């Protein structure tokens, strides 16, 4: 059986593009949701928000979860 290879530099670049897209779009979505919740009076700014991000790459059998508390004050 022959070992397959791939262009690691290209793959790393693709990962970085994906993460940049995730970061930018996620930030925009969180800011919009926070503004909407604040306007609706449903956001308690004295309490941090629990943020959870799950990264899945099914073809690799990868599921990675990151959790973080977002302080509002």
PDB file of N, CA and C in Angstrom:
ATOM      1  N   UNK A   1       0.854  -1.182   0.000  1.00  0.00           N
ATOM      2  CA  UNK A   1       0.000   0.000   0.000  1.00  0.00           C
ATOM      3  C   UNK A   1       0.897   1.243   0.000  1.00  0.00           C
ATOM      4  N   UNK A   2       0.638   2.180  -0.905  1.00  0.00           N
ATOM      5  CA  UNK A   2       1.459   3.387  -0.968  1.00  0.00           C
ATOM      6  C   UNK A   2       0.898   4.446  -0.029  1.00  0.00           C
ATOM      7  N   UNK A   3       1.795   5.185   0.559  1.00  0.00           N
ATOM      8  CA  UNK A   3       1.393   6.256   1.478  1.00  0.00           C
ATOM      9  C   UNK A   3       1.037   7.490   0.666  1.00  0.00           C
ATOM     10  N   UNK A   4      -0.130   8.071   0.946  1.00  0.00           N
ATOM     11  CA  UNK A   4      -0.537   9.286   0.255  1.00  0.00           C
ATOM     12  C   UNK A   4       0.036  10.490   0.994  1.00  0.00           C
ATOM     13  N   UNK A   5       0.269  11.556   0.274  1.00  0.00           N
ATOM     14  CA  UNK A   5       0.758  12.780   0.902  1.00  0.00           C
ATOM     15  C   UNK A   5      -0.100  13.951   0.415  1.00  0.00           C
ATOM     16  N   UNK A   6       0.089  15.077   1.047  1.00  0.00           N
ATOM     17  CA  UNK A   6      -0.612  16.286   0.635  1.00  0.00           C
ATOM     18  C   UNK A   6       0.300  17.466   0.869  1.00  0.00           C
ATOM     19  N   UNK A   7      -0.074  18.581   0.305  1.00  0.00           N
ATOM     20  CA  UNK A   7       0.704  19.813   0.420  1.00  0.00           C
ATOM     21  C   UNK A   7       0.370  20.451   1.768  1.00  0.00           C
ATOM     22  N   UNK A   8       1.239  20.234   2.749  1.00  0.00           N
ATOM     23  CA  UNK A   8       0.970  20.735   4.107  1.00  0.00           C
ATOM     24  C   UNK A   8       0.895  22.251   4.155  1.00  0.00           C
ATOM     25  N   UNK A   9       1.691  22.927   3.366  1.00  0.00           N
ATOM     26  CA  UNK A   9       1.666  24.390   3.353  1.00  0.00           C
ATOM     27  C   UNK A   9       0.314  24.896   2.829  1.00  0.00           C
ATOM     28  N   UNK A  10      -0.182  24.278   1.758  1.00  0.00           N
ATOM     29  CA  UNK A  10      -1.484  24.661   1.214  1.00  0.00           C
ATOM     30  C   UNK A  10      -2.588  24.358   2.228  1.00  0.00           C
ATOM     31  N   UNK A  11      -2.514  23.192   2.868  1.00  0.00           N
ATOM     32  CA  UNK A  11      -3.513  22.803   3.866  1.00  0.00           C
ATOM     33  C   UNK A  11      -3.526  23.790   5.039  1.00  0.00           C
ATOM     34  N   UNK A  12      -2.342  24.162   5.511  1.00  0.00           N
ATOM     35  CA  UNK A  12      -2.240  25.138   6.598  1.00  0.00           C
ATOM     36  C   UNK A  12      -2.863  26.464   6.187  1.00  0.00           C
ATOM     37  N   UNK A  13      -2.621  26.881   4.950  1.00  0.00           N
ATOM     38  CA  UNK A  13      -3.228  28.118   4.446  1.00  0.00           C
ATOM     39  C   UNK A  13      -4.741  28.020   4.399  1.00  0.00           C
ATOM     40  N   UNK A  14      -5.265  26.881   3.983  1.00  0.00           N
ATOM     41  CA  UNK A  14      -6.713  26.671   3.932  1.00  0.00           C
ATOM     42  C   UNK A  14      -7.315  26.690   5.338  1.00  0.00           C
ATOM     43  N   UNK A  15      -6.616  26.094   6.292  1.00  0.00           N
ATOM     44  CA  UNK A  15      -7.078  26.114   7.687  1.00  0.00           C
ATOM     45  C   UNK A  15      -7.142  27.550   8.187  1.00  0.00           C
ATOM     46  N   UNK A  16      -6.111  28.324   7.910  1.00  0.00           N
ATOM     47  CA  UNK A  16      -6.085  29.723   8.358  1.00  0.00           C
ATOM     48  C   UNK A  16      -7.204  30.544   7.738  1.00  0.00           C
ATOM     49  N   UNK A  17      -7.498  30.311   6.454  1.00  0.00           N
ATOM     50  CA  UNK A  17      -8.607  31.015   5.799  1.00  0.00           C
ATOM     51  C   UNK A  17      -9.933  30.653   6.461  1.00  0.00           C
ATOM     52  N   UNK A  18     -10.113  29.361   6.739  1.00  0.00           N
ATOM     53  CA  UNK A  18     -11.337  28.902   7.386  1.00  0.00           C
ATOM     54  C   UNK A  18     -11.482  29.529   8.770  1.00  0.00           C
ATOM     55  N   UNK A  19     -10.414  29.514   9.564  1.00  0.00           N
ATOM     56  CA  UNK A  19     -10.477  30.066  10.916  1.00  0.00           C
ATOM     57  C   UNK A  19     -10.712  31.571  10.905  1.00  0.00           C
ATOM     58  N   UNK A  20     -10.153  32.265   9.935  1.00  0.00           N
ATOM     59  CA  UNK A  20     -10.393  33.703   9.812  1.00  0.00           C
ATOM     60  C   UNK A  20     -11.864  33.952   9.517  1.00  0.00           C
ATOM     61  N   UNK A  21     -12.432  33.174   8.600  1.00  0.00           N
ATOM     62  CA  UNK A  21     -13.849  33.307   8.263  1.00  0.00           C
ATOM     63  C   UNK A  21     -14.718  33.006   9.478  1.00  0.00           C
ATOM     64  N   UNK A  22     -14.394  31.941  10.204  1.00  0.00           N
ATOM     65  CA  UNK A  22     -15.141  31.584  11.408  1.00  0.00           C
ATOM     66  C   UNK A  22     -15.057  32.713  12.430  1.00  0.00           C
ATOM     67  N   UNK A  23     -13.864  33.232  12.647  1.00  0.00           N
ATOM     68  CA  UNK A  23     -13.667  34.291  13.639  1.00  0.00           C
ATOM     69  C   UNK A  23     -14.442  35.549  13.312  1.00  0.00           C
ATOM     70  N   UNK A  24     -14.350  35.996  12.074  1.00  0.00           N
ATOM     71  CA  UNK A  24     -15.012  37.238  11.678  1.00  0.00           C
ATOM     72  C   UNK A  24     -16.525  37.084  11.721  1.00  0.00           C
ATOM     73  N   UNK A  25     -17.041  36.016  11.117  1.00  0.00           N
ATOM     74  CA  UNK A  25     -18.494  35.854  11.086  1.00  0.00           C
ATOM     75  C   UNK A  25     -19.056  35.578  12.477  1.00  0.00           C
ATOM     76  N   UNK A  26     -18.318  34.856  13.307  1.00  0.00           N
ATOM     77  CA  UNK A  26     -18.783  34.573  14.665  1.00  0.00           C
ATOM     78  C   UNK A  26     -18.845  35.845  15.498  1.00  0.00           C
ATOM     79  N   UNK A  27     -17.840  36.691  15.363  1.00  0.00           N
ATOM     80  CA  UNK A  27     -17.836  37.951  16.106  1.00  0.00           C
ATOM     81  C   UNK A  27     -19.034  38.813  15.720  1.00  0.00           C
ATOM     82  N   UNK A  28     -19.292  38.917  14.436  1.00  0.00           N
ATOM     83  CA  UNK A  28     -20.426  39.723  13.966  1.00  0.00           C
ATOM     84  C   UNK A  28     -21.737  39.164  14.504  1.00  0.00           C
ATOM     85  N   UNK A  29     -21.912  37.855  14.440  1.00  0.00           N
ATOM     86  CA  UNK A  29     -23.145  37.226  14.923  1.00  0.00           C
ATOM     87  C   UNK A  29     -23.328  37.433  16.426  1.00  0.00           C
ATOM     88  N   UNK A  30     -22.249  37.288  17.196  1.00  0.00           N
ATOM     89  CA  UNK A  30     -22.361  37.476  18.648  1.00  0.00           C
ATOM     90  C   UNK A  30     -22.677  38.923  18.998  1.00  0.00           C
ATOM     91  N   UNK A  31     -22.029  39.872  18.327  1.00  0.00           N
ATOM     92  CA  UNK A  31     -22.302  41.291  18.593  1.00  0.00           C
ATOM     93  C   UNK A  31     -23.748  41.637  18.249  1.00  0.00           C
ATOM     94  N   UNK A  32     -24.235  41.167  17.106  1.00  0.00           N
ATOM     95  CA  UNK A  32     -25.626  41.441  16.710  1.00  0.00           C
ATOM     96  C   UNK A  32     -26.610  40.831  17.693  1.00  0.00           C
ATOM     97  N   UNK A  33     -26.353  39.602  18.120  1.00  0.00           N
ATOM     98  CA  UNK A  33     -27.247  38.932  19.067  1.00  0.00           C
ATOM     99  C   UNK A  33     -27.240  39.640  20.416  1.00  0.00           C
ATOM    100  N   UNK A  34     -26.076  40.111  20.854  1.00  0.00           N
ATOM    101  CA  UNK A  34     -25.987  40.824  22.135  1.00  0.00           C
ATOM    102  C   UNK A  34     -26.740  42.149  22.060  1.00  0.00           C
ATOM    103  N   UNK A  35     -26.590  42.872  20.955  1.00  0.00           N
ATOM    104  CA  UNK A  35     -27.314  44.140  20.788  1.00  0.00           C
ATOM    105  C   UNK A  35     -28.826  43.905  20.789  1.00  0.00           C
ATOM    106  N   UNK A  36     -29.264  42.858  20.094  1.00  0.00           N
ATOM    107  CA  UNK A  36     -30.697  42.547  20.030  1.00  0.00           C
ATOM    108  C   UNK A  36     -31.229  42.158  21.405  1.00  0.00           C
ATOM    109  N   UNK A  37     -30.474  41.350  22.143  1.00  0.00           N
ATOM    110  CA  UNK A  37     -30.905  40.940  23.485  1.00  0.00           C
ATOM    111  C   UNK A  37     -30.943  42.140  24.422  1.00  0.00           C
ATOM    112  N   UNK A  38     -29.981  43.045  24.298  1.00  0.00           N
ATOM    113  CA  UNK A  38     -29.954  44.247  25.114  1.00  0.00           C
ATOM    114  C   UNK A  38     -31.174  45.119  24.801  1.00  0.00           C
ATOM    115  N   UNK A  39     -31.468  45.285  23.532  1.00  0.00           N
ATOM    116  CA  UNK A  39     -32.621  46.093  23.114  1.00  0.00           C
ATOM    117  C   UNK A  39     -33.937  45.473  23.578  1.00  0.00           C
ATOM    118  N   UNK A  40     -33.985  44.142  23.626  1.00  0.00           N
ATOM    119  CA  UNK A  40     -35.203  43.445  24.055  1.00  0.00           C
ATOM    120  C   UNK A  40     -35.311  43.360  25.577  1.00  0.00           C
ATOM    121  N   UNK A  41     -34.246  43.760  26.261  1.00  0.00           N
ATOM    122  CA  UNK A  41     -34.246  43.704  27.717  1.00  0.00           C
ATOM    123  C   UNK A  41     -34.042  42.306  28.283  1.00  0.00           C
ATOM    124  N   UNK A  42     -33.481  41.422  27.484  1.00  0.00           N
ATOM    125  CA  UNK A  42     -33.287  40.037  27.931  1.00  0.00           C
ATOM    126  C   UNK A  42     -31.834  39.707  28.264  1.00  0.00           C
ATOM    127  N   UNK A  43     -30.969  40.704  28.230  1.00  0.00           N
ATOM    128  CA  UNK A  43     -29.551  40.472  28.500  1.00  0.00           C
ATOM    129  C   UNK A  43     -29.180  41.019  29.867  1.00  0.00           C
ATOM    130  N   UNK A  44     -28.702  40.142  30.743  1.00  0.00           N
ATOM    131  CA  UNK A  44     -28.228  40.541  32.067  1.00  0.00           C
ATOM    132  C   UNK A  44     -26.733  40.808  31.955  1.00  0.00           C
ATOM    133  N   UNK A  45     -26.376  42.087  31.848  1.00  0.00           N
ATOM    134  CA  UNK A  45     -24.971  42.448  31.628  1.00  0.00           C
ATOM    135  C   UNK A  45     -24.089  42.225  32.851  1.00  0.00           C
ATOM    136  N   UNK A  46     -24.695  41.910  33.992  1.00  0.00           N
ATOM    137  CA  UNK A  46     -23.887  41.647  35.181  1.00  0.00           C
ATOM    138  C   UNK A  46     -23.365  40.206  35.200  1.00  0.00           C
ATOM    139  N   UNK A  47     -23.876  39.385  34.298  1.00  0.00           N
ATOM    140  CA  UNK A  47     -23.467  37.984  34.235  1.00  0.00           C
ATOM    141  C   UNK A  47     -22.696  37.709  32.943  1.00  0.00           C
ATOM    142  N   UNK A  48     -21.622  36.928  33.032  1.00  0.00           N
ATOM    143  CA  UNK A  48     -20.905  36.587  31.800  1.00  0.00           C
ATOM    144  C   UNK A  48     -21.742  35.652  30.928  1.00  0.00           C
ATOM    145  N   UNK A  49     -21.444  35.662  29.665  1.00  0.00           N
ATOM    146  CA  UNK A  49     -22.113  34.773  28.723  1.00  0.00           C
ATOM    147  C   UNK A  49     -21.235  33.539  28.502  1.00  0.00           C
ATOM    148  N   UNK A  50     -21.837  32.374  28.515  1.00  0.00           N
ATOM    149  CA  UNK A  50     -21.109  31.138  28.233  1.00  0.00           C
ATOM    150  C   UNK A  50     -21.098  30.940  26.724  1.00  0.00           C
ATOM    151  N   UNK A  51     -19.932  30.969  26.131  1.00  0.00           N
ATOM    152  CA  UNK A  51     -19.804  30.749  24.689  1.00  0.00           C
ATOM    153  C   UNK A  51     -19.212  29.357  24.456  1.00  0.00           C
ATOM    154  N   UNK A  52     -19.753  28.674  23.476  1.00  0.00           N
ATOM    155  CA  UNK A  52     -19.285  27.338  23.133  1.00  0.00           C
ATOM    156  C   UNK A  52     -19.110  27.277  21.618  1.00  0.00           C
ATOM    157  N   UNK A  53     -17.952  26.790  21.194  1.00  0.00           N
ATOM    158  CA  UNK A  53     -17.695  26.608  19.765  1.00  0.00           C
ATOM    159  C   UNK A  53     -17.318  25.148  19.561  1.00  0.00           C
ATOM    160  N   UNK A  54     -17.963  24.515  18.598  1.00  0.00           N
ATOM    161  CA  UNK A  54     -17.659  23.125  18.288  1.00  0.00           C
ATOM    162  C   UNK A  54     -17.165  23.065  16.850  1.00  0.00           C
ATOM    163  N   UNK A  55     -15.986  22.522  16.679  1.00  0.00           N
ATOM    164  CA  UNK A  55     -15.392  22.339  15.356  1.00  0.00           C
ATOM    165  C   UNK A  55     -15.512  20.869  15.003  1.00  0.00           C
ATOM    166  N   UNK A  56     -16.089  20.604  13.853  1.00  0.00           N
ATOM    167  CA  UNK A  56     -16.205  19.226  13.399  1.00  0.00           C
ATOM    168  C   UNK A  56     -15.646  19.095  11.993  1.00  0.00           C
ATOM    169  N   UNK A  57     -14.842  18.073  11.792  1.00  0.00           N
ATOM    170  CA  UNK A  57     -14.357  17.696  10.465  1.00  0.00           C
ATOM    171  C   UNK A  57     -14.653  16.203  10.348  1.00  0.00           C
ATOM    172  N   UNK A  58     -15.848  15.864   9.884  1.00  0.00           N
ATOM    173  CA  UNK A  58     -16.271  14.466   9.866  1.00  0.00           C
ATOM    174  C   UNK A  58     -15.305  13.509   9.172  1.00  0.00           C
ATOM    175  N   UNK A  59     -14.722  13.927   8.070  1.00  0.00           N
ATOM    176  CA  UNK A  59     -13.818  13.038   7.331  1.00  0.00           C
ATOM    177  C   UNK A  59     -12.580  12.659   8.146  1.00  0.00           C
ATOM    178  N   UNK A  60     -12.252  13.486   9.147  1.00  0.00           N
ATOM    179  CA  UNK A  60     -11.095  13.202  10.005  1.00  0.00           C
ATOM    180  C   UNK A  60     -11.503  12.612  11.345  1.00  0.00           C
ATOM    181  N   UNK A  61     -12.799  12.493  11.572  1.00  0.00           N
ATOM    182  CA  UNK A  61     -13.270  12.008  12.872  1.00  0.00           C
ATOM    183  C   UNK A  61     -12.968  13.001  13.981  1.00  0.00           C
ATOM    184  N   UNK A  62     -12.911  14.287  13.627  1.00  0.00           N
ATOM    185  CA  UNK A  62     -12.544  15.331  14.585  1.00  0.00           C
ATOM    186  C   UNK A  62     -13.771  16.048  15.112  1.00  0.00           C
ATOM    187  N   UNK A  63     -13.840  16.166  16.423  1.00  0.00           N
ATOM    188  CA  UNK A  63     -14.848  17.001  17.090  1.00  0.00           C
ATOM    189  C   UNK A  63     -14.116  17.685  18.244  1.00  0.00           C
ATOM    190  N   UNK A  64     -13.969  19.001  18.140  1.00  0.00           N
ATOM    191  CA  UNK A  64     -13.202  19.774  19.120  1.00  0.00           C
ATOM    192  C   UNK A  64     -14.104  20.854  19.700  1.00  0.00           C
ATOM    193  N   UNK A  65     -14.216  20.895  21.022  1.00  0.00           N
ATOM    194  CA  UNK A  65     -15.103  21.840  21.699  1.00  0.00           C
ATOM    195  C   UNK A  65     -14.277  22.840  22.509  1.00  0.00           C
ATOM    196  N   UNK A  66     -14.602  24.109  22.347  1.00  0.00           N
ATOM    197  CA  UNK A  66     -13.945  25.175  23.097  1.00  0.00           C
ATOM    198  C   UNK A  66     -15.029  25.952  23.831  1.00  0.00           C
ATOM    199  N   UNK A  67     -14.822  26.202  25.127  1.00  0.00           N
ATOM    200  CA  UNK A  67     -15.774  26.962  25.927  1.00  0.00           C
ATOM    201  C   UNK A  67     -15.062  28.164  26.532  1.00  0.00           C
ATOM    202  N   UNK A  68     -15.823  29.250  26.677  1.00  0.00           N
ATOM    203  CA  UNK A  68     -15.216  30.474  27.226  1.00  0.00           C
ATOM    204  C   UNK A  68     -16.323  31.343  27.841  1.00  0.00           C
ATOM    205  N   UNK A  69     -16.011  32.002  28.935  1.00  0.00           N
ATOM    206  CA  UNK A  69     -16.921  32.954  29.562  1.00  0.00           C
ATOM    207  C   UNK A  69     -16.632  34.343  28.991  1.00  0.00           C
ATOM    208  N   UNK A  70     -17.678  34.996  28.469  1.00  0.00           N
ATOM    209  CA  UNK A  70     -17.536  36.337  27.914  1.00  0.00           C
ATOM    210  C   UNK A  70     -18.063  37.360  28.910  1.00  0.00           C
ATOM    211  N   UNK A  71     -17.168  38.146  29.476  1.00  0.00           N
ATOM    212  CA  UNK A  71     -17.571  39.185  30.430  1.00  0.00           C
ATOM    213  C   UNK A  71     -18.192  40.349  29.665  1.00  0.00           C
ATOM    214  N   UNK A  72     -19.229  40.932  30.230  1.00  0.00           N
ATOM    215  CA  UNK A  72     -19.907  42.062  29.605  1.00  0.00           C
ATOM    216  C   UNK A  72     -19.608  43.385  30.291  1.00  0.00           C
ATOM    217  N   UNK A  73     -19.096  43.330  31.491  1.00  0.00           N
ATOM    218  CA  UNK A  73     -18.760  44.566  32.217  1.00  0.00           C
ATOM    219  C   UNK A  73     -17.304  44.573  32.570  1.00  0.00           C
TER     220      UNK A  73
END
